[in-house]
Each structure stands twice: as C-alpha cells, then as structure tokens.
Amino acid sequence: VVQWFKNIENKPDSKFIQFDIVDFYPSISEPLLKKALAWASTYVEITDKEMRIIMNARKSMLFNNHDVWIKKGENPLFDVTMGSFDGCEVCELVGLYMLDGLSSICDKEDAGLYRDDGLAAFENLSGPEATRMAKKIIKLFKDNNLSITIETNLKKTDFLDVTLDIESGKL
C-alpha cells in the first residue's frame, strides 16, 4: 500500500474512498466461492479433484456445550474458518474476484483490497460523483451477498495501520 500511495499522481486533487467488508469470512457463501473459483479457472487450471478438495475443506463443525452448532444458511456445514491458512487463501481468492469486479467500476490501479479492507484513490472526484461511485461499489458487493461500510471524500485515512495523507503526500 505504501508503494501504491507513492505512485498516486496529482495527490492534491485526489480523494480516498475506503471500505470494509462486514463479517467477510463468514459471509463467503458456497455460491460466491464457486463463482470465484470459476473466475480463477480462467487464469489457471483447477482440476475437478482440486475443486472437490477445496469445497470439502469448507465442511466444518463447531461445538457448543457438547452440541453441534448448526450454521444458518443454505449449507450449514459450509464455512470459511478464520485464523487458518486455508481460510485466508479462500478469503484472498474471493478478494481477487471482487477486485476484478471493481475493475468494471474503476481502473485496476486505483483500488486495492487486503482481506476485508479496501481503499481507492480518485482524482478530481466531486462529492456527488463520489456518492455515485460508492453506490456502485456497494451494489457490486451486495450482488455477491456481501455488505460493506464505506467512507468517501477522504483526504487522510488510516489503512492497515499506515496513515496516508493524500493532500500533503505524507505517510
């Protein structure tokens, strides 16, 4: 993100849009993961066996007081677990899929995503234009059954524990 920030041209005329995917890991559904895998398979071969392994690894069971906790949703055994290497890889794959979707709204160089945190920088974006951009981003995530919080027209933000001041160009 530091290198991305340094490469932003015309910083004084730019503003940030920052967003956060709400409950990202548990919000990744089976259909969304399948869409992300289908998208990824256009770039790299994913065999049927690998697909079955990935989907089978989503089966998890949680226990509460010696009882199985049943997750709500279409497939109660489907889950993307937080804190595991495998869960992080699924999160990254879905994140890349969502970034590809964002490229239909803005240039790939303008936006980035790290797990559930997103940041974009836009030059000469008026208040109403920023609001329209935010609505498009919200719709993209909503179309994939993900919800986000979003802030627009930011000149300064903390992103991944780094303070970025686009007006002064300072980190």
Protein backbone atom coordinates (compact mmCIF):
# COMPACT_ATOMS: atom_id res chain seq x y z
CA VAL A 1 0.00 0.00 0.00
CA VAL A 2 2.95 2.33 0.65
CA GLN A 3 4.27 1.86 -2.89
CA TRP A 4 0.75 2.26 -4.32
CA PHE A 5 0.33 5.51 -2.37
CA LYS A 6 3.69 6.85 -3.56
CA ASN A 7 2.66 6.19 -7.17
CA ILE A 8 -0.58 8.19 -6.99
CA GLU A 9 -0.18 11.11 -9.36
CA ASN A 10 -1.66 14.52 -8.63
CA LYS A 11 -2.29 13.74 -4.96
CA PRO A 12 -3.62 17.22 -4.03
CA ASP A 13 -6.53 16.78 -6.47
CA SER A 14 -7.32 13.25 -5.29
CA LYS A 15 -9.52 11.74 -2.58
CA PHE A 16 -9.87 8.34 -0.98
CA ILE A 17 -12.82 6.02 -0.82
CA GLN A 18 -12.30 3.48 1.95
CA PHE A 19 -14.47 0.43 2.58
CA ASP A 20 -14.65 -2.55 4.86
CA ILE A 21 -16.37 -5.86 4.09
CA VAL A 22 -18.61 -6.66 7.04
CA ASP A 23 -18.03 -10.16 8.51
CA PHE A 24 -16.06 -11.17 5.41
CA TYR A 25 -15.07 -14.74 6.28
CA PRO A 26 -18.49 -15.93 7.49
CA SER A 27 -20.20 -14.04 4.65
CA ILE A 28 -18.40 -16.01 1.93
CA SER A 29 -21.11 -18.34 0.67
CA GLU A 30 -20.78 -21.53 -1.31
CA PRO A 31 -22.13 -19.87 -4.49
CA LEU A 32 -19.69 -16.95 -4.11
CA LEU A 33 -16.72 -19.29 -3.66
CA LYS A 34 -17.83 -21.28 -6.70
CA LYS A 35 -18.02 -18.06 -8.76
CA ALA A 36 -14.55 -17.06 -7.55
CA LEU A 37 -13.16 -20.49 -8.44
CA ALA A 38 -14.78 -20.37 -11.89
CA TRP A 39 -13.22 -16.93 -12.40
CA ALA A 40 -9.82 -18.17 -11.21
CA SER A 41 -10.02 -21.14 -13.57
CA THR A 42 -9.90 -18.70 -16.49
CA TYR A 43 -6.35 -17.85 -15.36
CA VAL A 44 -5.07 -21.17 -14.01
CA GLU A 45 -6.16 -24.78 -14.37
CA ILE A 46 -8.22 -26.07 -11.45
CA THR A 47 -8.98 -29.76 -11.80
CA ASP A 48 -12.26 -31.34 -10.70
CA LYS A 49 -10.34 -33.12 -7.95
CA GLU A 50 -8.87 -29.84 -6.68
CA MET A 51 -12.32 -28.26 -6.80
CA ARG A 52 -13.75 -31.13 -4.70
CA ILE A 53 -10.88 -30.82 -2.20
CA ILE A 54 -11.38 -27.07 -1.84
CA MET A 55 -15.13 -27.45 -1.35
CA ASN A 56 -14.73 -30.42 1.01
CA ALA A 57 -12.33 -28.38 3.16
CA ARG A 58 -15.20 -25.93 3.73
CA LYS A 59 -17.04 -28.53 5.81
CA SER A 60 -16.59 -27.67 9.42
CA MET A 61 -18.40 -28.33 12.64
CA LEU A 62 -18.48 -26.17 15.73
CA PHE A 63 -19.48 -27.46 19.12
CA ASN A 64 -21.13 -25.62 22.00
CA ASN A 65 -21.64 -27.48 25.28
CA HIS A 66 -21.11 -30.81 23.50
CA ASP A 67 -23.80 -29.98 20.94
CA VAL A 68 -23.17 -29.37 17.26
CA TRP A 69 -23.80 -25.73 16.40
CA ILE A 70 -25.80 -25.53 13.19
CA LYS A 71 -24.91 -22.59 10.99
CA LYS A 72 -27.77 -20.75 9.34
CA GLY A 73 -27.90 -20.65 5.57
CA GLU A 74 -28.31 -22.89 2.58
CA ASN A 75 -25.49 -25.28 3.55
CA PRO A 76 -24.98 -25.42 7.34
CA LEU A 77 -21.68 -27.32 7.02
CA PHE A 78 -20.12 -24.79 4.59
CA ASP A 79 -17.80 -22.35 6.35
CA VAL A 80 -14.69 -20.28 5.74
CA THR A 81 -12.82 -20.51 9.02
CA MET A 82 -10.96 -17.51 10.37
CA GLY A 83 -7.44 -17.89 11.63
CA SER A 84 -6.50 -20.78 9.40
CA PHE A 85 -4.16 -20.73 6.43
CA ASP A 86 -6.86 -22.32 4.29
CA GLY A 87 -9.45 -19.73 5.30
CA CYS A 88 -7.03 -16.91 4.44
CA GLU A 89 -6.41 -18.42 1.00
CA VAL A 90 -10.16 -18.62 0.31
CA CYS A 91 -10.52 -15.03 1.51
CA GLU A 92 -7.72 -13.91 -0.82
CA LEU A 93 -9.27 -15.73 -3.78
CA VAL A 94 -12.68 -14.17 -3.19
CA GLY A 95 -10.96 -10.81 -2.68
CA LEU A 96 -9.24 -11.10 -6.06
CA TYR A 97 -12.56 -11.99 -7.64
CA MET A 98 -14.14 -8.89 -6.08
CA LEU A 99 -11.20 -6.72 -7.21
CA ASP A 100 -11.77 -7.97 -10.73
CA GLY A 101 -15.38 -6.85 -10.37
CA LEU A 102 -14.20 -3.46 -9.12
CA SER A 103 -12.24 -3.05 -12.35
CA SER A 104 -15.59 -2.58 -14.10
CA ILE A 105 -16.15 0.48 -11.89
CA CYS A 106 -12.66 1.97 -11.76
CA ASP A 107 -9.14 1.41 -13.10
CA LYS A 108 -7.30 -1.53 -11.52
CA GLU A 109 -4.53 0.80 -10.36
CA ASP A 110 -7.00 2.98 -8.44
CA ALA A 111 -8.24 0.39 -5.92
CA GLY A 112 -6.84 -2.31 -3.71
CA LEU A 113 -8.07 -4.83 -1.18
CA TYR A 114 -6.37 -6.58 1.70
CA ARG A 115 -8.62 -9.26 3.15
CA ASP A 116 -11.67 -7.23 4.24
CA ASP A 117 -10.20 -3.73 3.90
CA GLY A 118 -10.45 -1.80 0.66
CA LEU A 119 -9.06 1.55 -0.45
CA ALA A 120 -9.33 3.51 -3.67
CA ALA A 121 -7.99 6.89 -4.78
CA PHE A 122 -9.64 9.03 -7.41
CA GLU A 123 -8.56 12.28 -9.00
CA ASN A 124 -10.98 15.19 -9.45
CA LEU A 125 -13.96 13.35 -7.97
CA SER A 126 -16.71 15.72 -6.84
CA GLY A 127 -18.94 14.96 -3.84
CA PRO A 128 -21.86 13.74 -5.99
CA GLU A 129 -19.51 11.68 -8.17
CA ALA A 130 -18.01 10.09 -5.05
CA THR A 131 -21.51 9.23 -3.83
CA ARG A 132 -22.35 7.60 -7.18
CA MET A 133 -19.06 5.69 -7.10
CA ALA A 134 -19.80 4.49 -3.55
CA LYS A 135 -23.26 3.29 -4.64
CA LYS A 136 -21.71 1.29 -7.49
CA ILE A 137 -19.19 -0.30 -5.13
CA ILE A 138 -21.92 -1.14 -2.61
CA LYS A 139 -24.03 -2.71 -5.37
CA LEU A 140 -21.11 -4.85 -6.59
CA PHE A 141 -20.64 -6.30 -3.12
CA LYS A 142 -24.37 -6.62 -2.48
CA ASP A 143 -24.77 -8.54 -5.76
CA ASN A 144 -22.37 -11.06 -4.23
CA ASN A 145 -24.22 -11.14 -0.89
CA LEU A 146 -21.55 -9.13 0.87
CA SER A 147 -22.18 -5.92 2.74
CA ILE A 148 -19.68 -3.11 3.21
CA THR A 149 -19.25 0.05 5.18
CA ILE A 150 -17.85 2.87 3.07
CA GLU A 151 -16.44 6.37 3.51
CA THR A 152 -15.91 8.83 0.68
CA ASN A 153 -14.11 12.12 0.06
CA LEU A 154 -11.30 11.32 2.47
CA LYS A 155 -8.08 13.32 2.28
CA LYS A 156 -6.47 11.39 5.12
CA THR A 157 -7.03 7.83 6.28
CA ASP A 158 -5.55 5.04 8.36
CA PHE A 159 -5.25 1.93 6.21
CA LEU A 160 -3.63 -1.22 7.58
CA ASP A 161 -2.07 0.81 10.42
CA VAL A 162 -0.49 3.29 8.00
CA THR A 163 -1.69 6.90 7.96
CA LEU A 164 -1.99 8.17 4.39
CA ASP A 165 -2.42 11.91 3.84
CA ILE A 166 -3.20 12.44 0.17
CA GLU A 167 -3.26 16.22 0.48
CA SER A 168 0.27 16.52 1.81
CA GLY A 169 1.55 13.32 0.21
CA LYS A 170 2.96 12.20 3.55
CA LEU A 171 2.76 8.78 5.14
